[in-house]
Amino acid sequence: MKCVLLFESVHRVMKAEKLLKGKGIKVDLIPVPREINSDCGVAVELSGDSEAEALLILRENRILVMDCYTKDLSGRFGKKKEIQIQ
């Protein structure tokens, strides 16, 4: 399962990517899927196994995650009702 994180700006996406990669978390930048948002934009995609660690790192560095979606093996997206940070 994959996790897709949305941010308020491309600047925040780039900052999140740099920070997470610097902490050893494998991330990819992807276009925001149309199923999630019709606006043009960029999102961070990472492994579901890395989600909690990534969210904690982002929170500690005051980078706000607007929304978090899961992507199942069939490619469907589901919005997380609440972003949980452990």
PDB file of N, CA and C in Angstrom:
ATOM      1  N   MET A   1       0.837  -1.169   0.000  1.00  0.00           N
ATOM      2  CA  MET A   1       0.000   0.000   0.000  1.00  0.00           C
ATOM      3  C   MET A   1       0.892   1.247   0.000  1.00  0.00           C
ATOM      4  N   LYS A   2       0.456   2.255  -0.706  1.00  0.00           N
ATOM      5  CA  LYS A   2       1.173   3.528  -0.784  1.00  0.00           C
ATOM      6  C   LYS A   2       0.399   4.599  -0.031  1.00  0.00           C
ATOM      7  N   CYS A   3       1.095   5.654   0.294  1.00  0.00           N
ATOM      8  CA  CYS A   3       0.511   6.795   0.972  1.00  0.00           C
ATOM      9  C   CYS A   3       0.829   8.026   0.130  1.00  0.00           C
ATOM     10  N   VAL A   4      -0.165   8.894  -0.081  1.00  0.00           N
ATOM     11  CA  VAL A   4       0.015  10.119  -0.853  1.00  0.00           C
ATOM     12  C   VAL A   4      -0.283  11.302   0.061  1.00  0.00           C
ATOM     13  N   LEU A   5       0.693  12.201   0.182  1.00  0.00           N
ATOM     14  CA  LEU A   5       0.557  13.371   1.040  1.00  0.00           C
ATOM     15  C   LEU A   5       0.394  14.624   0.192  1.00  0.00           C
ATOM     16  N   LEU A   6      -0.593  15.445   0.550  1.00  0.00           N
ATOM     17  CA  LEU A   6      -0.837  16.705  -0.148  1.00  0.00           C
ATOM     18  C   LEU A   6      -0.445  17.872   0.747  1.00  0.00           C
ATOM     19  N   PHE A   7       0.112  18.901   0.130  1.00  0.00           N
ATOM     20  CA  PHE A   7       0.572  20.080   0.846  1.00  0.00           C
ATOM     21  C   PHE A   7      -0.064  21.319   0.243  1.00  0.00           C
ATOM     22  N   GLU A   8       0.088  22.447   0.918  1.00  0.00           N
ATOM     23  CA  GLU A   8      -0.557  23.674   0.466  1.00  0.00           C
ATOM     24  C   GLU A   8       0.142  24.341  -0.718  1.00  0.00           C
ATOM     25  N   SER A   9       1.388  23.971  -0.990  1.00  0.00           N
ATOM     26  CA  SER A   9       2.101  24.587  -2.109  1.00  0.00           C
ATOM     27  C   SER A   9       3.198  23.650  -2.609  1.00  0.00           C
ATOM     28  N   VAL A  10       3.643  23.923  -3.828  1.00  0.00           N
ATOM     29  CA  VAL A  10       4.745  23.145  -4.405  1.00  0.00           C
ATOM     30  C   VAL A  10       6.010  23.375  -3.571  1.00  0.00           C
ATOM     31  N   HIS A  11       6.163  24.576  -3.051  1.00  0.00           N
ATOM     32  CA  HIS A  11       7.320  24.878  -2.203  1.00  0.00           C
ATOM     33  C   HIS A  11       7.370  23.927  -1.007  1.00  0.00           C
ATOM     34  N   ARG A  12       6.233  23.689  -0.361  1.00  0.00           N
ATOM     35  CA  ARG A  12       6.169  22.782   0.790  1.00  0.00           C
ATOM     36  C   ARG A  12       6.439  21.335   0.371  1.00  0.00           C
ATOM     37  N   VAL A  13       5.986  20.968  -0.814  1.00  0.00           N
ATOM     38  CA  VAL A  13       6.246  19.623  -1.336  1.00  0.00           C
ATOM     39  C   VAL A  13       7.747  19.410  -1.481  1.00  0.00           C
ATOM     40  N   MET A  14       8.410  20.386  -2.065  1.00  0.00           N
ATOM     41  CA  MET A  14       9.853  20.274  -2.280  1.00  0.00           C
ATOM     42  C   MET A  14      10.605  20.229  -0.949  1.00  0.00           C
ATOM     43  N   LYS A  15      10.170  21.020   0.007  1.00  0.00           N
ATOM     44  CA  LYS A  15      10.792  21.034   1.329  1.00  0.00           C
ATOM     45  C   LYS A  15      10.593  19.684   2.021  1.00  0.00           C
ATOM     46  N   ALA A  16       9.382  19.134   1.924  1.00  0.00           N
ATOM     47  CA  ALA A  16       9.086  17.834   2.533  1.00  0.00           C
ATOM     48  C   ALA A  16       9.926  16.738   1.882  1.00  0.00           C
ATOM     49  N   GLU A  17      10.033  16.770   0.555  1.00  0.00           N
ATOM     50  CA  GLU A  17      10.827  15.763  -0.155  1.00  0.00           C
ATOM     51  C   GLU A  17      12.280  15.794   0.319  1.00  0.00           C
ATOM     52  N   LYS A  18      12.860  16.967   0.365  1.00  0.00           N
ATOM     53  CA  LYS A  18      14.260  17.110   0.774  1.00  0.00           C
ATOM     54  C   LYS A  18      14.469  16.608   2.204  1.00  0.00           C
ATOM     55  N   LEU A  19      13.574  16.995   3.090  1.00  0.00           N
ATOM     56  CA  LEU A  19      13.673  16.600   4.489  1.00  0.00           C
ATOM     57  C   LEU A  19      13.542  15.081   4.655  1.00  0.00           C
ATOM     58  N   LEU A  20      12.520  14.491   4.035  1.00  0.00           N
ATOM     59  CA  LEU A  20      12.286  13.055   4.185  1.00  0.00           C
ATOM     60  C   LEU A  20      13.406  12.227   3.562  1.00  0.00           C
ATOM     61  N   LYS A  21      13.877  12.628   2.384  1.00  0.00           N
ATOM     62  CA  LYS A  21      14.993  11.910   1.764  1.00  0.00           C
ATOM     63  C   LYS A  21      16.241  12.020   2.629  1.00  0.00           C
ATOM     64  N   GLY A  22      16.437  13.178   3.240  1.00  0.00           N
ATOM     65  CA  GLY A  22      17.578  13.370   4.129  1.00  0.00           C
ATOM     66  C   GLY A  22      17.527  12.469   5.350  1.00  0.00           C
ATOM     67  N   LYS A  23      16.325  12.053   5.733  1.00  0.00           N
ATOM     68  CA  LYS A  23      16.140  11.150   6.875  1.00  0.00           C
ATOM     69  C   LYS A  23      16.087   9.683   6.436  1.00  0.00           C
ATOM     70  N   GLY A  24      16.334   9.437   5.132  1.00  0.00           N
ATOM     71  CA  GLY A  24      16.393   8.062   4.631  1.00  0.00           C
ATOM     72  C   GLY A  24      15.060   7.457   4.240  1.00  0.00           C
ATOM     73  N   ILE A  25      14.033   8.274   4.110  1.00  0.00           N
ATOM     74  CA  ILE A  25      12.719   7.757   3.695  1.00  0.00           C
ATOM     75  C   ILE A  25      12.609   7.892   2.183  1.00  0.00           C
ATOM     76  N   LYS A  26      12.270   6.797   1.525  1.00  0.00           N
ATOM     77  CA  LYS A  26      12.140   6.797   0.072  1.00  0.00           C
ATOM     78  C   LYS A  26      10.813   7.451  -0.308  1.00  0.00           C
ATOM     79  N   VAL A  27      10.895   8.539  -1.052  1.00  0.00           N
ATOM     80  CA  VAL A  27       9.698   9.245  -1.504  1.00  0.00           C
ATOM     81  C   VAL A  27       9.804   9.522  -2.998  1.00  0.00           C
ATOM     82  N   ASP A  28       8.658   9.673  -3.621  1.00  0.00           N
ATOM     83  CA  ASP A  28       8.578  10.081  -5.025  1.00  0.00           C
ATOM     84  C   ASP A  28       7.644  11.273  -5.112  1.00  0.00           C
ATOM     85  N   LEU A  29       7.961  12.196  -5.999  1.00  0.00           N
ATOM     86  CA  LEU A  29       7.039  13.281  -6.295  1.00  0.00           C
ATOM     87  C   LEU A  29       6.189  12.831  -7.473  1.00  0.00           C
ATOM     88  N   ILE A  30       4.883  13.002  -7.335  1.00  0.00           N
ATOM     89  CA  ILE A  30       3.952  12.590  -8.377  1.00  0.00           C
ATOM     90  C   ILE A  30       2.961  13.720  -8.630  1.00  0.00           C
ATOM     91  N   PRO A  31       2.384  13.764  -9.832  1.00  0.00           N
ATOM     92  CA  PRO A  31       1.291  14.715 -10.047  1.00  0.00           C
ATOM     93  C   PRO A  31       0.120  14.315  -9.133  1.00  0.00           C
ATOM     94  N   VAL A  32      -0.587  15.293  -8.604  1.00  0.00           N
ATOM     95  CA  VAL A  32      -1.747  14.963  -7.766  1.00  0.00           C
ATOM     96  C   VAL A  32      -2.746  14.217  -8.647  1.00  0.00           C
ATOM     97  N   PRO A  33      -3.097  12.988  -8.275  1.00  0.00           N
ATOM     98  CA  PRO A  33      -4.040  12.213  -9.089  1.00  0.00           C
ATOM     99  C   PRO A  33      -5.407  12.893  -9.211  1.00  0.00           C
ATOM    100  N   ARG A  34      -6.008  12.823 -10.373  1.00  0.00           N
ATOM    101  CA  ARG A  34      -7.316  13.441 -10.621  1.00  0.00           C
ATOM    102  C   ARG A  34      -8.394  12.914  -9.675  1.00  0.00           C
ATOM    103  N   GLU A  35      -8.237  11.668  -9.235  1.00  0.00           N
ATOM    104  CA  GLU A  35      -9.217  11.087  -8.313  1.00  0.00           C
ATOM    105  C   GLU A  35      -9.225  11.818  -6.970  1.00  0.00           C
ATOM    106  N   ILE A  36      -8.108  12.483  -6.660  1.00  0.00           N
ATOM    107  CA  ILE A  36      -7.969  13.193  -5.389  1.00  0.00           C
ATOM    108  C   ILE A  36      -8.356  14.656  -5.542  1.00  0.00           C
ATOM    109  N   ASN A  37      -7.822  15.313  -6.585  1.00  0.00           N
ATOM    110  CA  ASN A  37      -8.027  16.743  -6.750  1.00  0.00           C
ATOM    111  C   ASN A  37      -7.843  17.094  -8.217  1.00  0.00           C
ATOM    112  N   SER A  38      -8.717  17.922  -8.748  1.00  0.00           N
ATOM    113  CA  SER A  38      -8.632  18.290 -10.158  1.00  0.00           C
ATOM    114  C   SER A  38      -7.640  19.416 -10.405  1.00  0.00           C
ATOM    115  N   ASP A  39      -7.195  20.077  -9.332  1.00  0.00           N
ATOM    116  CA  ASP A  39      -6.202  21.136  -9.491  1.00  0.00           C
ATOM    117  C   ASP A  39      -4.870  20.537  -9.916  1.00  0.00           C
ATOM    118  N   CYS A  40      -4.116  21.330 -10.638  1.00  0.00           N
ATOM    119  CA  CYS A  40      -2.777  20.907 -11.018  1.00  0.00           C
ATOM    120  C   CYS A  40      -1.887  21.011  -9.786  1.00  0.00           C
ATOM    121  N   GLY A  41      -1.052  20.041  -9.560  1.00  0.00           N
ATOM    122  CA  GLY A  41      -0.184  20.106  -8.407  1.00  0.00           C
ATOM    123  C   GLY A  41       0.702  18.893  -8.298  1.00  0.00           C
ATOM    124  N   VAL A  42       1.503  18.895  -7.258  1.00  0.00           N
ATOM    125  CA  VAL A  42       2.455  17.823  -7.014  1.00  0.00           C
ATOM    126  C   VAL A  42       2.213  17.291  -5.609  1.00  0.00           C
ATOM    127  N   ALA A  43       2.387  15.995  -5.441  1.00  0.00           N
ATOM    128  CA  ALA A  43       2.200  15.343  -4.146  1.00  0.00           C
ATOM    129  C   ALA A  43       3.412  14.475  -3.844  1.00  0.00           C
ATOM    130  N   VAL A  44       3.520  14.075  -2.588  1.00  0.00           N
ATOM    131  CA  VAL A  44       4.574  13.154  -2.156  1.00  0.00           C
ATOM    132  C   VAL A  44       3.945  11.775  -2.003  1.00  0.00           C
ATOM    133  N   GLU A  45       4.556  10.775  -2.629  1.00  0.00           N
ATOM    134  CA  GLU A  45       4.104   9.392  -2.489  1.00  0.00           C
ATOM    135  C   GLU A  45       5.189   8.613  -1.764  1.00  0.00           C
ATOM    136  N   LEU A  46       4.764   7.811  -0.800  1.00  0.00           N
ATOM    137  CA  LEU A  46       5.712   6.984  -0.058  1.00  0.00           C
ATOM    138  C   LEU A  46       5.041   5.683   0.344  1.00  0.00           C
ATOM    139  N   SER A  47       5.838   4.777   0.839  1.00  0.00           N
ATOM    140  CA  SER A  47       5.341   3.488   1.288  1.00  0.00           C
ATOM    141  C   SER A  47       4.468   3.670   2.517  1.00  0.00           C
ATOM    142  N   GLY A  48       3.403   2.897   2.598  1.00  0.00           N
ATOM    143  CA  GLY A  48       2.542   2.940   3.777  1.00  0.00           C
ATOM    144  C   GLY A  48       3.302   2.606   5.048  1.00  0.00           C
ATOM    145  N   ASP A  49       4.357   1.806   4.921  1.00  0.00           N
ATOM    146  CA  ASP A  49       5.181   1.448   6.081  1.00  0.00           C
ATOM    147  C   ASP A  49       5.932   2.653   6.647  1.00  0.00           C
ATOM    148  N   SER A  50       6.174   3.658   5.805  1.00  0.00           N
ATOM    149  CA  SER A  50       6.924   4.849   6.224  1.00  0.00           C
ATOM    150  C   SER A  50       6.025   5.997   6.652  1.00  0.00           C
ATOM    151  N   GLU A  51       4.731   5.825   6.531  1.00  0.00           N
ATOM    152  CA  GLU A  51       3.791   6.930   6.766  1.00  0.00           C
ATOM    153  C   GLU A  51       3.929   7.558   8.151  1.00  0.00           C
ATOM    154  N   ALA A  52       3.864   6.765   9.198  1.00  0.00           N
ATOM    155  CA  ALA A  52       3.906   7.303  10.562  1.00  0.00           C
ATOM    156  C   ALA A  52       5.208   8.057  10.823  1.00  0.00           C
ATOM    157  N   GLU A  53       6.313   7.473  10.407  1.00  0.00           N
ATOM    158  CA  GLU A  53       7.617   8.123  10.610  1.00  0.00           C
ATOM    159  C   GLU A  53       7.692   9.438   9.830  1.00  0.00           C
ATOM    160  N   ALA A  54       7.221   9.420   8.584  1.00  0.00           N
ATOM    161  CA  ALA A  54       7.249  10.627   7.756  1.00  0.00           C
ATOM    162  C   ALA A  54       6.385  11.730   8.360  1.00  0.00           C
ATOM    163  N   LEU A  55       5.196  11.386   8.808  1.00  0.00           N
ATOM    164  CA  LEU A  55       4.304  12.388   9.401  1.00  0.00           C
ATOM    165  C   LEU A  55       4.911  12.988  10.666  1.00  0.00           C
ATOM    166  N   LEU A  56       5.572  12.171  11.447  1.00  0.00           N
ATOM    167  CA  LEU A  56       6.212  12.658  12.666  1.00  0.00           C
ATOM    168  C   LEU A  56       7.349  13.634  12.320  1.00  0.00           C
ATOM    169  N   ILE A  57       8.169  13.262  11.362  1.00  0.00           N
ATOM    170  CA  ILE A  57       9.275  14.133  10.930  1.00  0.00           C
ATOM    171  C   ILE A  57       8.732  15.461  10.405  1.00  0.00           C
ATOM    172  N   LEU A  58       7.690  15.396   9.594  1.00  0.00           N
ATOM    173  CA  LEU A  58       7.111  16.621   9.043  1.00  0.00           C
ATOM    174  C   LEU A  58       6.520  17.501  10.145  1.00  0.00           C
ATOM    175  N   ARG A  59       5.841  16.892  11.095  1.00  0.00           N
ATOM    176  CA  ARG A  59       5.258  17.660  12.202  1.00  0.00           C
ATOM    177  C   ARG A  59       6.364  18.323  13.033  1.00  0.00           C
ATOM    178  N   GLU A  60       7.411  17.574  13.330  1.00  0.00           N
ATOM    179  CA  GLU A  60       8.521  18.114  14.118  1.00  0.00           C
ATOM    180  C   GLU A  60       9.192  19.304  13.422  1.00  0.00           C
ATOM    181  N   ASN A  61       9.122  19.326  12.093  1.00  0.00           N
ATOM    182  CA  ASN A  61       9.727  20.403  11.321  1.00  0.00           C
ATOM    183  C   ASN A  61       8.695  21.424  10.840  1.00  0.00           C
ATOM    184  N   ARG A  62       7.511  21.345  11.412  1.00  0.00           N
ATOM    185  CA  ARG A  62       6.426  22.303  11.158  1.00  0.00           C
ATOM    186  C   ARG A  62       6.050  22.423   9.688  1.00  0.00           C
ATOM    187  N   ILE A  63       6.015  21.288   9.010  1.00  0.00           N
ATOM    188  CA  ILE A  63       5.542  21.254   7.627  1.00  0.00           C
ATOM    189  C   ILE A  63       4.145  20.639   7.663  1.00  0.00           C
ATOM    190  N   LEU A  64       3.151  21.457   7.356  1.00  0.00           N
ATOM    191  CA  LEU A  64       1.755  21.038   7.447  1.00  0.00           C
ATOM    192  C   LEU A  64       1.356  20.146   6.273  1.00  0.00           C
ATOM    193  N   VAL A  65       0.811  18.985   6.602  1.00  0.00           N
ATOM    194  CA  VAL A  65       0.253  18.081   5.596  1.00  0.00           C
ATOM    195  C   VAL A  65      -1.236  18.395   5.506  1.00  0.00           C
ATOM    196  N   MET A  66      -1.693  18.785   4.313  1.00  0.00           N
ATOM    197  CA  MET A  66      -3.102  19.160   4.137  1.00  0.00           C
ATOM    198  C   MET A  66      -4.016  17.937   4.160  1.00  0.00           C
ATOM    199  N   ASP A  67      -3.645  16.906   3.423  1.00  0.00           N
ATOM    200  CA  ASP A  67      -4.438  15.680   3.348  1.00  0.00           C
ATOM    201  C   ASP A  67      -3.516  14.491   3.160  1.00  0.00           C
ATOM    202  N   CYS A  68      -4.019  13.342   3.568  1.00  0.00           N
ATOM    203  CA  CYS A  68      -3.286  12.095   3.434  1.00  0.00           C
ATOM    204  C   CYS A  68      -4.227  11.055   2.827  1.00  0.00           C
ATOM    205  N   TYR A  69      -3.780  10.402   1.778  1.00  0.00           N
ATOM    206  CA  TYR A  69      -4.577   9.382   1.095  1.00  0.00           C
ATOM    207  C   TYR A  69      -3.800   8.075   1.063  1.00  0.00           C
ATOM    208  N   THR A  70      -4.537   6.991   1.096  1.00  0.00           N
ATOM    209  CA  THR A  70      -3.925   5.688   0.882  1.00  0.00           C
ATOM    210  C   THR A  70      -4.245   5.245  -0.538  1.00  0.00           C
ATOM    211  N   LYS A  71      -3.337   4.494  -1.108  1.00  0.00           N
ATOM    212  CA  LYS A  71      -3.517   3.958  -2.456  1.00  0.00           C
ATOM    213  C   LYS A  71      -3.374   2.452  -2.350  1.00  0.00           C
ATOM    214  N   ASP A  72      -4.453   1.734  -2.644  1.00  0.00           N
ATOM    215  CA  ASP A  72      -4.390   0.282  -2.511  1.00  0.00           C
ATOM    216  C   ASP A  72      -3.752  -0.355  -3.745  1.00  0.00           C
ATOM    217  N   LEU A  73      -3.632  -1.659  -3.728  1.00  0.00           N
ATOM    218  CA  LEU A  73      -2.958  -2.369  -4.812  1.00  0.00           C
ATOM    219  C   LEU A  73      -3.670  -2.241  -6.154  1.00  0.00           C
ATOM    220  N   SER A  74      -4.978  -1.965  -6.121  1.00  0.00           N
ATOM    221  CA  SER A  74      -5.726  -1.803  -7.369  1.00  0.00           C
ATOM    222  C   SER A  74      -5.630  -0.374  -7.901  1.00  0.00           C
ATOM    223  N   GLY A  75      -4.969   0.518  -7.142  1.00  0.00           N
ATOM    224  CA  GLY A  75      -4.790   1.890  -7.585  1.00  0.00           C
ATOM    225  C   GLY A  75      -5.859   2.856  -7.112  1.00  0.00           C
ATOM    226  N   ARG A  76      -6.759   2.396  -6.250  1.00  0.00           N
ATOM    227  CA  ARG A  76      -7.826   3.259  -5.732  1.00  0.00           C
ATOM    228  C   ARG A  76      -7.325   4.060  -4.527  1.00  0.00           C
ATOM    229  N   PHE A  77      -7.824   5.279  -4.429  1.00  0.00           N
ATOM    230  CA  PHE A  77      -7.427   6.165  -3.346  1.00  0.00           C
ATOM    231  C   PHE A  77      -8.523   6.274  -2.306  1.00  0.00           C
ATOM    232  N   GLY A  78      -8.109   6.336  -1.062  1.00  0.00           N
ATOM    233  CA  GLY A  78      -9.042   6.544   0.042  1.00  0.00           C
ATOM    234  C   GLY A  78      -8.478   7.610   0.958  1.00  0.00           C
ATOM    235  N   LYS A  79      -9.293   8.631   1.251  1.00  0.00           N
ATOM    236  CA  LYS A  79      -8.831   9.713   2.119  1.00  0.00           C
ATOM    237  C   LYS A  79      -8.852   9.254   3.565  1.00  0.00           C
ATOM    238  N   LYS A  80      -7.773   9.529   4.262  1.00  0.00           N
ATOM    239  CA  LYS A  80      -7.729   9.225   5.685  1.00  0.00           C
ATOM    240  C   LYS A  80      -8.546  10.279   6.410  1.00  0.00           C
ATOM    241  N   LYS A  81      -9.420   9.842   7.283  1.00  0.00           N
ATOM    242  CA  LYS A  81     -10.276  10.784   8.008  1.00  0.00           C
ATOM    243  C   LYS A  81      -9.474  11.661   8.936  1.00  0.00           C
ATOM    244  N   GLU A  82      -8.417  11.103   9.460  1.00  0.00           N
ATOM    245  CA  GLU A  82      -7.587  11.825  10.410  1.00  0.00           C
ATOM    246  C   GLU A  82      -6.144  11.443  10.172  1.00  0.00           C
ATOM    247  N   ILE A  83      -5.285  12.427  10.173  1.00  0.00           N
ATOM    248  CA  ILE A  83      -3.859  12.135  10.038  1.00  0.00           C
ATOM    249  C   ILE A  83      -3.333  11.796  11.421  1.00  0.00           C
ATOM    250  N   GLN A  84      -2.908  10.554  11.589  1.00  0.00           N
ATOM    251  CA  GLN A  84      -2.461  10.101  12.907  1.00  0.00           C
ATOM    252  C   GLN A  84      -0.947  10.099  12.984  1.00  0.00           C
ATOM    253  N   ILE A  85      -0.457  10.761  14.008  1.00  0.00           N
ATOM    254  CA  ILE A  85       0.979  10.810  14.246  1.00  0.00           C
ATOM    255  C   ILE A  85       1.234  10.154  15.591  1.00  0.00           C
ATOM    256  N   GLN A  86       2.105   9.163  15.580  1.00  0.00           N
ATOM    257  CA  GLN A  86       2.363   8.416  16.817  1.00  0.00           C
ATOM    258  C   GLN A  86       3.488   9.030  17.608  1.00  0.00           C
TER     259      GLN A  86
END
